[in-house]
């Protein structure tokens, strides 16, 4: 028969060991939980969103996006969109982005170029739309600024967005990429790369609202809705100087500031070669191309609202399709339909 004192002692030892185990388990669990909380201060997965302050730090995401869209010679085509440009309006069945992409489908030699466009979205809805369309997409975010809605020409938000665009394109140049920048209200009816100069000594080739016959004349009225830039020290200096004027240009859009710099002598100061593009090939509503057989791009410039641009660009594509069906093999040169929507947009 067991000794009662020995049994009671064994029981005390067992209880003590059990309590010690419980305390140890509780301490280990608390430490693990605290460590988990500490670890979760960092995101579980890294999103491809940029802010103004971390573009340089997270540059590898931008580098990856540029490499994916690059043509192989470190040249990429870039367009920037927001919610207003990717969503259909109440009075329209097409968005500006829809019209832009349609031009690549109906254009001559343009369909494959869509794979080399990097669509830069400045808000989440535009980014989601880009992903849905299976395009090359990059999400650019700016702290404290809402770029979602329509930014009417020369409004404060419009001016801010244009400067943000310039800052972003400077980062592209610093990463060694040449680029063709295009607004989405530019219709690509033919491959514009075939009309751009292949001369590598030319640093900047830029479209014009009004072209006066000399591709080297600073009298030509530039438009920053379409241009080609080679990445080098001179163009990086140009963009740094250009962006550096942001806070000294109240009431001016970035295009006006660049024109002031050009006419103020920056081309000579930096040793740049700048070609101003002929509207015969790089057309716009300010000055229509006179030849359907030569035209490459058509820009809805000299127009105030997205709704008006969409209306008139649909007509441009109709004119283009009619030309290809009826006039391409004839000596007749048709005329563009008047841009009624854009003319009326200035009356409101």
C-alpha atoms as a PDB file:
ATOM      1  CA  UNK A   1       0.000   0.000   0.000  1.00  0.00           C
ATOM      2  CA  UNK A   2       1.353   3.441  -0.965  1.00  0.00           C
ATOM      3  CA  UNK A   3       2.520   5.863   1.649  1.00  0.00           C
ATOM      4  CA  UNK A   4      -0.052   8.754   1.857  1.00  0.00           C
ATOM      5  CA  UNK A   5       2.704  11.321   2.431  1.00  0.00           C
ATOM      6  CA  UNK A   6       4.616  10.147  -0.655  1.00  0.00           C
ATOM      7  CA  UNK A   7       1.435  10.282  -2.786  1.00  0.00           C
ATOM      8  CA  UNK A   8       0.627  13.784  -1.618  1.00  0.00           C
ATOM      9  CA  UNK A   9       4.202  14.932  -2.374  1.00  0.00           C
ATOM     10  CA  UNK A  10       4.071  13.478  -5.885  1.00  0.00           C
ATOM     11  CA  UNK A  11       0.781  15.262  -6.467  1.00  0.00           C
ATOM     12  CA  UNK A  12       2.298  18.612  -5.397  1.00  0.00           C
ATOM     13  CA  UNK A  13       5.267  18.117  -7.758  1.00  0.00           C
ATOM     14  CA  UNK A  14       2.961  17.262 -10.671  1.00  0.00           C
ATOM     15  CA  UNK A  15       0.776  20.330 -10.084  1.00  0.00           C
ATOM     16  CA  UNK A  16       3.851  22.557  -9.831  1.00  0.00           C
ATOM     17  CA  UNK A  17       5.223  21.249 -13.111  1.00  0.00           C
ATOM     18  CA  UNK A  18       1.866  21.752 -14.804  1.00  0.00           C
ATOM     19  CA  UNK A  19       1.622  25.375 -13.589  1.00  0.00           C
ATOM     20  CA  UNK A  20       5.174  26.092 -14.707  1.00  0.00           C
ATOM     21  CA  UNK A  21       4.361  24.713 -18.136  1.00  0.00           C
ATOM     22  CA  UNK A  22       1.255  26.875 -18.430  1.00  0.00           C
ATOM     23  CA  UNK A  23       3.189  30.017 -17.440  1.00  0.00           C
ATOM     24  CA  UNK A  24       5.959  29.213 -19.942  1.00  0.00           C
ATOM     25  CA  UNK A  25       3.435  28.596 -22.730  1.00  0.00           C
ATOM     26  CA  UNK A  26       1.630  31.880 -21.974  1.00  0.00           C
ATOM     27  CA  UNK A  27       4.915  33.828 -22.040  1.00  0.00           C
ATOM     28  CA  UNK A  28       5.983  32.242 -25.363  1.00  0.00           C
ATOM     29  CA  UNK A  29       2.576  32.917 -26.908  1.00  0.00           C
ATOM     30  CA  UNK A  30       2.661  36.589 -25.862  1.00  0.00           C
ATOM     31  CA  UNK A  31       6.145  37.048 -27.292  1.00  0.00           C
ATOM     32  CA  UNK A  32       5.083  35.463 -30.563  1.00  0.00           C
ATOM     33  CA  UNK A  33       1.986  37.682 -30.771  1.00  0.00           C
ATOM     34  CA  UNK A  34       4.022  40.818 -30.101  1.00  0.00           C
ATOM     35  CA  UNK A  35       6.536  39.845 -32.755  1.00  0.00           C
ATOM     36  CA  UNK A  36       3.727  39.202 -35.236  1.00  0.00           C
ATOM     37  CA  UNK A  37       2.273  42.655 -34.567  1.00  0.00           C
ATOM     38  CA  UNK A  38       5.687  44.217 -35.056  1.00  0.00           C
ATOM     39  CA  UNK A  39       6.182  42.399 -38.314  1.00  0.00           C
ATOM     40  CA  UNK A  40       2.797  43.479 -39.599  1.00  0.00           C
ATOM     41  CA  UNK A  41       3.807  47.109 -39.468  1.00  0.00           C
ATOM     42  CA  UNK A  42       5.234  46.342 -42.907  1.00  0.00           C
ATOM     43  CA  UNK A  43       2.735  45.416 -45.656  1.00  0.00           C
ATOM     44  CA  UNK A  44       2.273  41.711 -46.278  1.00  0.00           C
ATOM     45  CA  UNK A  45       2.578  42.295 -50.011  1.00  0.00           C
ATOM     46  CA  UNK A  46       4.223  45.233 -51.738  1.00  0.00           C
ATOM     47  CA  UNK A  47       1.828  47.145 -54.035  1.00  0.00           C
ATOM     48  CA  UNK A  48       2.949  48.868 -57.218  1.00  0.00           C
ATOM     49  CA  UNK A  49       1.705  52.294 -56.089  1.00  0.00           C
ATOM     50  CA  UNK A  50       3.986  55.341 -56.100  1.00  0.00           C
ATOM     51  CA  UNK A  51       3.889  58.536 -54.148  1.00  0.00           C
ATOM     52  CA  UNK A  52       5.822  61.674 -54.890  1.00  0.00           C
ATOM     53  CA  UNK A  53       8.194  60.886 -52.048  1.00  0.00           C
ATOM     54  CA  UNK A  54       9.028  57.277 -52.900  1.00  0.00           C
ATOM     55  CA  UNK A  55       9.409  57.276 -56.689  1.00  0.00           C
ATOM     56  CA  UNK A  56      13.189  57.175 -56.406  1.00  0.00           C
ATOM     57  CA  UNK A  57      13.202  54.644 -53.551  1.00  0.00           C
ATOM     58  CA  UNK A  58      10.882  52.226 -55.339  1.00  0.00           C
ATOM     59  CA  UNK A  59      12.327  52.848 -58.772  1.00  0.00           C
ATOM     60  CA  UNK A  60      12.654  49.141 -59.468  1.00  0.00           C
ATOM     61  CA  UNK A  61       8.872  48.977 -60.044  1.00  0.00           C
ATOM     62  CA  UNK A  62       9.054  51.758 -62.609  1.00  0.00           C
ATOM     63  CA  UNK A  63      12.105  50.135 -64.178  1.00  0.00           C
ATOM     64  CA  UNK A  64      10.201  46.874 -64.559  1.00  0.00           C
ATOM     65  CA  UNK A  65       7.218  48.630 -66.131  1.00  0.00           C
ATOM     66  CA  UNK A  66       9.444  50.494 -68.585  1.00  0.00           C
ATOM     67  CA  UNK A  67      11.413  47.367 -69.500  1.00  0.00           C
ATOM     68  CA  UNK A  68       8.205  45.460 -70.212  1.00  0.00           C
ATOM     69  CA  UNK A  69       6.898  48.138 -72.588  1.00  0.00           C
ATOM     70  CA  UNK A  70      10.256  48.965 -74.197  1.00  0.00           C
ATOM     71  CA  UNK A  71      10.781  48.351 -77.901  1.00  0.00           C
ATOM     72  CA  UNK A  72      14.195  46.855 -77.222  1.00  0.00           C
ATOM     73  CA  UNK A  73      16.194  50.009 -77.927  1.00  0.00           C
ATOM     74  CA  UNK A  74      15.082  51.492 -74.604  1.00  0.00           C
ATOM     75  CA  UNK A  75      12.329  53.451 -76.319  1.00  0.00           C
ATOM     76  CA  UNK A  76       8.837  53.394 -74.872  1.00  0.00           C
ATOM     77  CA  UNK A  77       5.549  55.151 -75.631  1.00  0.00           C
ATOM     78  CA  UNK A  78       3.838  56.771 -72.643  1.00  0.00           C
ATOM     79  CA  UNK A  79       0.295  58.018 -72.093  1.00  0.00           C
ATOM     80  CA  UNK A  80      -1.154  59.325 -68.826  1.00  0.00           C
ATOM     81  CA  UNK A  81      -4.806  58.827 -67.855  1.00  0.00           C
ATOM     82  CA  UNK A  82      -7.197  59.524 -65.011  1.00  0.00           C
ATOM     83  CA  UNK A  83     -10.746  58.461 -64.214  1.00  0.00           C
ATOM     84  CA  UNK A  84     -12.273  61.102 -66.485  1.00  0.00           C
ATOM     85  CA  UNK A  85     -10.377  59.693 -69.467  1.00  0.00           C
ATOM     86  CA  UNK A  86     -11.211  56.019 -68.929  1.00  0.00           C
ATOM     87  CA  UNK A  87     -14.913  56.197 -68.045  1.00  0.00           C
ATOM     88  CA  UNK A  88     -17.744  56.869 -70.486  1.00  0.00           C
ATOM     89  CA  UNK A  89     -19.628  60.086 -69.935  1.00  0.00           C
ATOM     90  CA  UNK A  90     -23.388  60.271 -69.462  1.00  0.00           C
ATOM     91  CA  UNK A  91     -23.821  61.493 -73.044  1.00  0.00           C
ATOM     92  CA  UNK A  92     -21.256  59.201 -74.659  1.00  0.00           C
ATOM     93  CA  UNK A  93     -20.842  55.463 -75.117  1.00  0.00           C
ATOM     94  CA  UNK A  94     -17.076  55.781 -75.463  1.00  0.00           C
ATOM     95  CA  UNK A  95     -14.346  57.059 -73.196  1.00  0.00           C
ATOM     96  CA  UNK A  96     -11.332  58.995 -74.397  1.00  0.00           C
ATOM     97  CA  UNK A  97      -9.211  55.901 -73.785  1.00  0.00           C
ATOM     98  CA  UNK A  98     -11.590  53.820 -75.926  1.00  0.00           C
ATOM     99  CA  UNK A  99     -11.211  56.258 -78.831  1.00  0.00           C
ATOM    100  CA  UNK A 100      -7.434  56.332 -78.402  1.00  0.00           C
ATOM    101  CA  UNK A 101      -7.165  52.531 -78.521  1.00  0.00           C
ATOM    102  CA  UNK A 102      -9.563  52.367 -81.479  1.00  0.00           C
ATOM    103  CA  UNK A 103      -7.146  54.455 -83.533  1.00  0.00           C
ATOM    104  CA  UNK A 104      -4.493  51.749 -83.170  1.00  0.00           C
ATOM    105  CA  UNK A 105      -6.969  49.216 -84.533  1.00  0.00           C
ATOM    106  CA  UNK A 106      -8.015  51.214 -87.628  1.00  0.00           C
ATOM    107  CA  UNK A 107      -4.627  52.851 -88.246  1.00  0.00           C
ATOM    108  CA  UNK A 108      -2.043  51.669 -90.759  1.00  0.00           C
ATOM    109  CA  UNK A 109       0.811  49.720 -89.160  1.00  0.00           C
ATOM    110  CA  UNK A 110      -0.214  50.682 -85.638  1.00  0.00           C
ATOM    111  CA  UNK A 111      -1.730  47.575 -84.041  1.00  0.00           C
ATOM    112  CA  UNK A 112       1.529  46.092 -82.769  1.00  0.00           C
ATOM    113  CA  UNK A 113       2.519  49.416 -81.188  1.00  0.00           C
ATOM    114  CA  UNK A 114      -0.072  48.937 -78.458  1.00  0.00           C
ATOM    115  CA  UNK A 115       2.308  46.473 -76.787  1.00  0.00           C
ATOM    116  CA  UNK A 116       4.873  49.242 -76.321  1.00  0.00           C
ATOM    117  CA  UNK A 117       2.606  51.790 -74.676  1.00  0.00           C
ATOM    118  CA  UNK A 118       2.951  52.275 -70.950  1.00  0.00           C
ATOM    119  CA  UNK A 119      -0.345  53.615 -69.637  1.00  0.00           C
ATOM    120  CA  UNK A 120       0.334  55.643 -66.494  1.00  0.00           C
ATOM    121  CA  UNK A 121      -2.735  55.920 -64.250  1.00  0.00           C
ATOM    122  CA  UNK A 122      -2.929  58.770 -61.743  1.00  0.00           C
ATOM    123  CA  UNK A 123      -5.882  57.299 -59.825  1.00  0.00           C
ATOM    124  CA  UNK A 124      -7.076  53.829 -58.854  1.00  0.00           C
ATOM    125  CA  UNK A 125     -10.064  53.682 -61.227  1.00  0.00           C
ATOM    126  CA  UNK A 126      -7.862  54.478 -64.219  1.00  0.00           C
ATOM    127  CA  UNK A 127      -5.382  51.836 -63.072  1.00  0.00           C
ATOM    128  CA  UNK A 128      -8.125  49.218 -62.645  1.00  0.00           C
ATOM    129  CA  UNK A 129      -9.428  49.993 -66.126  1.00  0.00           C
ATOM    130  CA  UNK A 130      -5.942  49.629 -67.580  1.00  0.00           C
ATOM    131  CA  UNK A 131      -5.482  46.234 -65.909  1.00  0.00           C
ATOM    132  CA  UNK A 132      -8.923  45.148 -67.169  1.00  0.00           C
ATOM    133  CA  UNK A 133      -7.855  45.993 -70.734  1.00  0.00           C
ATOM    134  CA  UNK A 134      -4.661  43.935 -70.279  1.00  0.00           C
ATOM    135  CA  UNK A 135      -2.369  46.836 -71.170  1.00  0.00           C
ATOM    136  CA  UNK A 136       1.030  47.777 -69.771  1.00  0.00           C
ATOM    137  CA  UNK A 137       0.008  49.686 -66.656  1.00  0.00           C
ATOM    138  CA  UNK A 138       1.742  51.771 -64.031  1.00  0.00           C
ATOM    139  CA  UNK A 139       0.089  53.399 -61.013  1.00  0.00           C
ATOM    140  CA  UNK A 140       1.397  56.880 -60.251  1.00  0.00           C
ATOM    141  CA  UNK A 141       0.160  58.394 -57.008  1.00  0.00           C
ATOM    142  CA  UNK A 142       0.667  61.912 -55.712  1.00  0.00           C
ATOM    143  CA  UNK A 143       0.142  62.718 -52.036  1.00  0.00           C
ATOM    144  CA  UNK A 144      -2.576  65.230 -51.262  1.00  0.00           C
ATOM    145  CA  UNK A 145      -3.797  65.737 -54.855  1.00  0.00           C
ATOM    146  CA  UNK A 146      -6.983  64.365 -56.395  1.00  0.00           C
ATOM    147  CA  UNK A 147      -6.526  63.762 -60.120  1.00  0.00           C
ATOM    148  CA  UNK A 148      -9.708  61.707 -60.657  1.00  0.00           C
ATOM    149  CA  UNK A 149     -12.201  64.106 -62.244  1.00  0.00           C
ATOM    150  CA  UNK A 150     -12.060  66.047 -65.477  1.00  0.00           C
ATOM    151  CA  UNK A 151      -9.512  68.856 -65.365  1.00  0.00           C
ATOM    152  CA  UNK A 152     -10.773  71.628 -67.605  1.00  0.00           C
ATOM    153  CA  UNK A 153      -8.176  73.362 -69.724  1.00  0.00           C
ATOM    154  CA  UNK A 154      -6.158  75.900 -67.679  1.00  0.00           C
ATOM    155  CA  UNK A 155      -7.901  75.118 -64.391  1.00  0.00           C
ATOM    156  CA  UNK A 156      -5.600  74.908 -61.343  1.00  0.00           C
ATOM    157  CA  UNK A 157      -5.969  71.118 -61.182  1.00  0.00           C
ATOM    158  CA  UNK A 158      -5.203  70.884 -64.915  1.00  0.00           C
ATOM    159  CA  UNK A 159      -1.990  72.853 -64.415  1.00  0.00           C
ATOM    160  CA  UNK A 160      -0.984  70.707 -61.408  1.00  0.00           C
ATOM    161  CA  UNK A 161      -1.538  67.518 -63.388  1.00  0.00           C
ATOM    162  CA  UNK A 162       0.576  68.778 -66.296  1.00  0.00           C
ATOM    163  CA  UNK A 163       3.451  69.571 -63.946  1.00  0.00           C
ATOM    164  CA  UNK A 164       3.161  66.161 -62.283  1.00  0.00           C
ATOM    165  CA  UNK A 165       3.417  64.655 -65.735  1.00  0.00           C
ATOM    166  CA  UNK A 166       6.600  66.596 -66.446  1.00  0.00           C
ATOM    167  CA  UNK A 167       8.131  65.426 -63.161  1.00  0.00           C
ATOM    168  CA  UNK A 168       7.325  61.799 -63.960  1.00  0.00           C
ATOM    169  CA  UNK A 169       8.773  62.018 -67.480  1.00  0.00           C
ATOM    170  CA  UNK A 170      11.986  63.428 -66.015  1.00  0.00           C
ATOM    171  CA  UNK A 171      12.281  60.220 -63.957  1.00  0.00           C
ATOM    172  CA  UNK A 172      11.888  58.181 -67.159  1.00  0.00           C
ATOM    173  CA  UNK A 173      14.729  60.065 -68.829  1.00  0.00           C
ATOM    174  CA  UNK A 174      16.950  59.601 -65.782  1.00  0.00           C
ATOM    175  CA  UNK A 175      16.458  55.840 -66.114  1.00  0.00           C
ATOM    176  CA  UNK A 176      17.941  55.964 -69.608  1.00  0.00           C
ATOM    177  CA  UNK A 177      14.732  55.558 -71.611  1.00  0.00           C
ATOM    178  CA  UNK A 178      13.859  57.476 -74.755  1.00  0.00           C
ATOM    179  CA  UNK A 179      10.145  58.021 -75.013  1.00  0.00           C
ATOM    180  CA  UNK A 180       7.317  59.128 -77.233  1.00  0.00           C
ATOM    181  CA  UNK A 181       4.818  60.914 -75.048  1.00  0.00           C
ATOM    182  CA  UNK A 182       1.264  61.024 -76.347  1.00  0.00           C
ATOM    183  CA  UNK A 183      -1.950  62.426 -74.956  1.00  0.00           C
ATOM    184  CA  UNK A 184      -4.873  60.037 -75.315  1.00  0.00           C
ATOM    185  CA  UNK A 185      -6.679  62.596 -77.457  1.00  0.00           C
ATOM    186  CA  UNK A 186      -4.110  61.910 -80.192  1.00  0.00           C
ATOM    187  CA  UNK A 187      -5.273  59.487 -82.901  1.00  0.00           C
ATOM    188  CA  UNK A 188      -2.499  57.271 -84.270  1.00  0.00           C
ATOM    189  CA  UNK A 189      -3.623  56.815 -87.894  1.00  0.00           C
ATOM    190  CA  UNK A 190      -0.211  55.704 -89.111  1.00  0.00           C
ATOM    191  CA  UNK A 191       2.951  54.638 -87.303  1.00  0.00           C
ATOM    192  CA  UNK A 192       4.480  57.976 -86.238  1.00  0.00           C
ATOM    193  CA  UNK A 193       7.900  56.410 -85.720  1.00  0.00           C
ATOM    194  CA  UNK A 194       8.299  56.245 -89.498  1.00  0.00           C
ATOM    195  CA  UNK A 195       7.927  60.046 -89.689  1.00  0.00           C
ATOM    196  CA  UNK A 196      10.206  60.897 -86.782  1.00  0.00           C
ATOM    197  CA  UNK A 197      13.833  61.610 -87.625  1.00  0.00           C
ATOM    198  CA  UNK A 198      16.241  58.717 -87.021  1.00  0.00           C
ATOM    199  CA  UNK A 199      19.119  61.160 -86.568  1.00  0.00           C
ATOM    200  CA  UNK A 200      20.435  60.470 -83.069  1.00  0.00           C
ATOM    201  CA  UNK A 201      21.844  64.006 -82.782  1.00  0.00           C
ATOM    202  CA  UNK A 202      18.279  65.326 -82.571  1.00  0.00           C
ATOM    203  CA  UNK A 203      17.331  65.464 -78.906  1.00  0.00           C
ATOM    204  CA  UNK A 204      13.692  66.551 -79.009  1.00  0.00           C
ATOM    205  CA  UNK A 205      11.036  66.336 -81.727  1.00  0.00           C
ATOM    206  CA  UNK A 206       7.843  68.072 -80.694  1.00  0.00           C
ATOM    207  CA  UNK A 207       4.413  68.610 -82.242  1.00  0.00           C
ATOM    208  CA  UNK A 208       3.037  72.058 -82.972  1.00  0.00           C
ATOM    209  CA  UNK A 209      -0.295  73.837 -82.788  1.00  0.00           C
ATOM    210  CA  UNK A 210       0.787  76.061 -85.658  1.00  0.00           C
ATOM    211  CA  UNK A 211       3.626  75.141 -88.027  1.00  0.00           C
ATOM    212  CA  UNK A 212       5.210  77.880 -90.146  1.00  0.00           C
ATOM    213  CA  UNK A 213       7.288  75.838 -92.597  1.00  0.00           C
ATOM    214  CA  UNK A 214      10.722  75.648 -90.928  1.00  0.00           C
ATOM    215  CA  UNK A 215      11.350  72.585 -88.711  1.00  0.00           C
ATOM    216  CA  UNK A 216      14.080  74.458 -86.790  1.00  0.00           C
ATOM    217  CA  UNK A 217      12.266  77.753 -86.227  1.00  0.00           C
ATOM    218  CA  UNK A 218      11.410  78.742 -82.668  1.00  0.00           C
ATOM    219  CA  UNK A 219       8.444  80.680 -84.075  1.00  0.00           C
ATOM    220  CA  UNK A 220       6.521  77.409 -84.362  1.00  0.00           C
ATOM    221  CA  UNK A 221       3.871  77.115 -81.629  1.00  0.00           C
ATOM    222  CA  UNK A 222       4.704  73.926 -79.691  1.00  0.00           C
ATOM    223  CA  UNK A 223       2.269  71.418 -78.225  1.00  0.00           C
ATOM    224  CA  UNK A 224       3.370  68.994 -75.496  1.00  0.00           C
ATOM    225  CA  UNK A 225       0.588  66.524 -76.337  1.00  0.00           C
ATOM    226  CA  UNK A 226       2.951  64.573 -78.595  1.00  0.00           C
ATOM    227  CA  UNK A 227       6.728  64.572 -78.613  1.00  0.00           C
ATOM    228  CA  UNK A 228       9.789  62.320 -78.796  1.00  0.00           C
ATOM    229  CA  UNK A 229      12.772  62.739 -76.446  1.00  0.00           C
ATOM    230  CA  UNK A 230      16.119  60.981 -76.422  1.00  0.00           C
ATOM    231  CA  UNK A 231      17.555  60.316 -72.988  1.00  0.00           C
ATOM    232  CA  UNK A 232      20.868  62.113 -72.525  1.00  0.00           C
ATOM    233  CA  UNK A 233      22.465  64.702 -70.264  1.00  0.00           C
ATOM    234  CA  UNK A 234      21.119  67.583 -72.337  1.00  0.00           C
ATOM    235  CA  UNK A 235      17.483  66.482 -72.259  1.00  0.00           C
ATOM    236  CA  UNK A 236      17.676  65.635 -68.547  1.00  0.00           C
ATOM    237  CA  UNK A 237      19.002  69.159 -67.936  1.00  0.00           C
ATOM    238  CA  UNK A 238      16.173  70.551 -70.063  1.00  0.00           C
ATOM    239  CA  UNK A 239      13.509  68.728 -68.058  1.00  0.00           C
ATOM    240  CA  UNK A 240      15.148  69.659 -64.744  1.00  0.00           C
ATOM    241  CA  UNK A 241      15.199  73.330 -65.739  1.00  0.00           C
ATOM    242  CA  UNK A 242      11.659  73.092 -67.079  1.00  0.00           C
ATOM    243  CA  UNK A 243      10.264  71.472 -63.936  1.00  0.00           C
ATOM    244  CA  UNK A 244      12.292  73.873 -61.817  1.00  0.00           C
ATOM    245  CA  UNK A 245      10.157  76.728 -63.179  1.00  0.00           C
ATOM    246  CA  UNK A 246       6.954  75.218 -61.734  1.00  0.00           C
ATOM    247  CA  UNK A 247       6.733  77.559 -58.751  1.00  0.00           C
ATOM    248  CA  UNK A 248       7.659  80.647 -60.784  1.00  0.00           C
ATOM    249  CA  UNK A 249       4.966  80.285 -63.433  1.00  0.00           C
ATOM    250  CA  UNK A 250       1.660  81.238 -61.832  1.00  0.00           C
ATOM    251  CA  UNK A 251      -1.172  81.102 -64.347  1.00  0.00           C
ATOM    252  CA  UNK A 252       0.892  79.271 -66.957  1.00  0.00           C
ATOM    253  CA  UNK A 253       0.690  75.630 -67.984  1.00  0.00           C
ATOM    254  CA  UNK A 254       3.901  73.651 -68.463  1.00  0.00           C
ATOM    255  CA  UNK A 255       3.638  73.981 -72.250  1.00  0.00           C
ATOM    256  CA  UNK A 256       3.764  77.783 -72.005  1.00  0.00           C
ATOM    257  CA  UNK A 257       6.799  77.576 -69.731  1.00  0.00           C
ATOM    258  CA  UNK A 258       8.653  75.283 -72.141  1.00  0.00           C
ATOM    259  CA  UNK A 259       7.878  77.637 -75.025  1.00  0.00           C
ATOM    260  CA  UNK A 260       9.245  80.550 -72.964  1.00  0.00           C
ATOM    261  CA  UNK A 261      12.426  78.578 -72.258  1.00  0.00           C
ATOM    262  CA  UNK A 262      12.859  77.704 -75.933  1.00  0.00           C
ATOM    263  CA  UNK A 263      12.363  81.276 -77.071  1.00  0.00           C
ATOM    264  CA  UNK A 264      14.562  82.456 -74.204  1.00  0.00           C
ATOM    265  CA  UNK A 265      17.569  80.557 -75.556  1.00  0.00           C
ATOM    266  CA  UNK A 266      17.700  77.253 -73.640  1.00  0.00           C
ATOM    267  CA  UNK A 267      18.247  75.305 -76.876  1.00  0.00           C
ATOM    268  CA  UNK A 268      21.490  77.175 -77.448  1.00  0.00           C
ATOM    269  CA  UNK A 269      22.483  77.139 -73.771  1.00  0.00           C
ATOM    270  CA  UNK A 270      22.249  73.339 -73.529  1.00  0.00           C
ATOM    271  CA  UNK A 271      23.400  72.605 -77.092  1.00  0.00           C
ATOM    272  CA  UNK A 272      20.093  70.901 -77.951  1.00  0.00           C
ATOM    273  CA  UNK A 273      18.824  70.032 -81.398  1.00  0.00           C
ATOM    274  CA  UNK A 274      15.054  70.454 -81.468  1.00  0.00           C
ATOM    275  CA  UNK A 275      12.870  69.630 -84.463  1.00  0.00           C
ATOM    276  CA  UNK A 276       9.378  71.108 -84.648  1.00  0.00           C
ATOM    277  CA  UNK A 277       7.006  68.655 -86.304  1.00  0.00           C
ATOM    278  CA  UNK A 278       5.059  69.564 -89.431  1.00  0.00           C
ATOM    279  CA  UNK A 279       1.263  69.542 -89.036  1.00  0.00           C
ATOM    280  CA  UNK A 280       1.047  67.974 -92.491  1.00  0.00           C
ATOM    281  CA  UNK A 281       2.096  64.742 -90.721  1.00  0.00           C
ATOM    282  CA  UNK A 282       1.398  65.490 -87.050  1.00  0.00           C
ATOM    283  CA  UNK A 283      -1.951  67.182 -87.380  1.00  0.00           C
ATOM    284  CA  UNK A 284      -4.329  68.780 -84.898  1.00  0.00           C
ATOM    285  CA  UNK A 285      -7.569  70.685 -84.692  1.00  0.00           C
ATOM    286  CA  UNK A 286      -5.644  73.967 -84.489  1.00  0.00           C
ATOM    287  CA  UNK A 287      -4.181  73.336 -87.948  1.00  0.00           C
ATOM    288  CA  UNK A 288      -5.527  70.355 -89.910  1.00  0.00           C
ATOM    289  CA  UNK A 289      -3.290  68.323 -92.172  1.00  0.00           C
ATOM    290  CA  UNK A 290      -4.050  69.069 -95.807  1.00  0.00           C
ATOM    291  CA  UNK A 291      -3.272  65.532 -96.989  1.00  0.00           C
ATOM    292  CA  UNK A 292      -4.917  62.310 -95.842  1.00  0.00           C
ATOM    293  CA  UNK A 293      -2.119  60.396 -97.578  1.00  0.00           C
ATOM    294  CA  UNK A 294       0.532  62.004 -95.403  1.00  0.00           C
ATOM    295  CA  UNK A 295      -1.165  62.432 -92.025  1.00  0.00           C
ATOM    296  CA  UNK A 296       0.181  60.309 -89.181  1.00  0.00           C
ATOM    297  CA  UNK A 297      -1.465  61.583 -86.003  1.00  0.00           C
ATOM    298  CA  UNK A 298      -4.428  63.863 -85.292  1.00  0.00           C
ATOM    299  CA  UNK A 299      -4.591  65.705 -81.976  1.00  0.00           C
ATOM    300  CA  UNK A 300      -7.766  67.200 -80.499  1.00  0.00           C
ATOM    301  CA  UNK A 301      -5.932  70.359 -79.477  1.00  0.00           C
ATOM    302  CA  UNK A 302      -7.626  73.776 -79.385  1.00  0.00           C
ATOM    303  CA  UNK A 303     -10.481  72.070 -77.551  1.00  0.00           C
ATOM    304  CA  UNK A 304     -11.740  72.642 -74.008  1.00  0.00           C
ATOM    305  CA  UNK A 305     -13.639  69.574 -72.752  1.00  0.00           C
ATOM    306  CA  UNK A 306     -13.376  65.788 -72.873  1.00  0.00           C
ATOM    307  CA  UNK A 307     -16.957  65.493 -74.143  1.00  0.00           C
ATOM    308  CA  UNK A 308     -16.182  67.748 -77.118  1.00  0.00           C
ATOM    309  CA  UNK A 309     -12.942  65.911 -77.858  1.00  0.00           C
ATOM    310  CA  UNK A 310     -14.680  62.518 -77.858  1.00  0.00           C
ATOM    311  CA  UNK A 311     -17.401  63.780 -80.212  1.00  0.00           C
ATOM    312  CA  UNK A 312     -14.984  65.236 -82.726  1.00  0.00           C
ATOM    313  CA  UNK A 313     -12.420  62.422 -82.546  1.00  0.00           C
ATOM    314  CA  UNK A 314     -15.151  59.917 -83.396  1.00  0.00           C
ATOM    315  CA  UNK A 315     -15.749  61.997 -86.514  1.00  0.00           C
ATOM    316  CA  UNK A 316     -12.001  61.972 -87.261  1.00  0.00           C
ATOM    317  CA  UNK A 317     -11.997  58.180 -87.177  1.00  0.00           C
ATOM    318  CA  UNK A 318     -15.081  58.104 -89.428  1.00  0.00           C
ATOM    319  CA  UNK A 319     -13.330  60.440 -91.890  1.00  0.00           C
ATOM    320  CA  UNK A 320     -10.284  58.196 -91.790  1.00  0.00           C
ATOM    321  CA  UNK A 321     -12.241  54.985 -92.411  1.00  0.00           C
ATOM    322  CA  UNK A 322     -14.136  56.658 -95.253  1.00  0.00           C
ATOM    323  CA  UNK A 323     -10.835  57.735 -96.816  1.00  0.00           C
ATOM    324  CA  UNK A 324      -9.455  54.198 -96.654  1.00  0.00           C
ATOM    325  CA  UNK A 325     -12.587  52.738 -98.230  1.00  0.00           C
ATOM    326  CA  UNK A 326     -13.303  55.330-100.922  1.00  0.00           C
ATOM    327  CA  UNK A 327     -10.265  57.478-101.593  1.00  0.00           C
ATOM    328  CA  UNK A 328      -7.092  55.544-100.823  1.00  0.00           C
ATOM    329  CA  UNK A 329      -6.654  54.414-104.438  1.00  0.00           C
ATOM    330  CA  UNK A 330      -7.910  57.605-106.096  1.00  0.00           C
ATOM    331  CA  UNK A 331      -6.370  60.996-106.754  1.00  0.00           C
ATOM    332  CA  UNK A 332      -9.095  62.749-104.751  1.00  0.00           C
ATOM    333  CA  UNK A 333      -8.035  64.191-101.432  1.00  0.00           C
ATOM    334  CA  UNK A 334     -11.015  64.489 -99.050  1.00  0.00           C
ATOM    335  CA  UNK A 335     -11.490  67.187 -96.442  1.00  0.00           C
ATOM    336  CA  UNK A 336     -11.785  66.780 -92.690  1.00  0.00           C
ATOM    337  CA  UNK A 337     -15.197  67.318 -91.181  1.00  0.00           C
ATOM    338  CA  UNK A 338     -15.360  70.549 -89.167  1.00  0.00           C
ATOM    339  CA  UNK A 339     -14.640  70.113 -85.468  1.00  0.00           C
ATOM    340  CA  UNK A 340     -18.005  71.437 -84.311  1.00  0.00           C
ATOM    341  CA  UNK A 341     -17.886  70.032 -80.791  1.00  0.00           C
ATOM    342  CA  UNK A 342     -14.545  71.616 -79.981  1.00  0.00           C
ATOM    343  CA  UNK A 343     -15.506  74.966 -81.467  1.00  0.00           C
ATOM    344  CA  UNK A 344     -18.633  75.017 -79.313  1.00  0.00           C
ATOM    345  CA  UNK A 345     -16.672  73.983 -76.199  1.00  0.00           C
ATOM    346  CA  UNK A 346     -15.238  77.498 -75.932  1.00  0.00           C
ATOM    347  CA  UNK A 347     -18.705  79.013 -75.796  1.00  0.00           C
ATOM    348  CA  UNK A 348     -19.619  77.381 -72.457  1.00  0.00           C
END
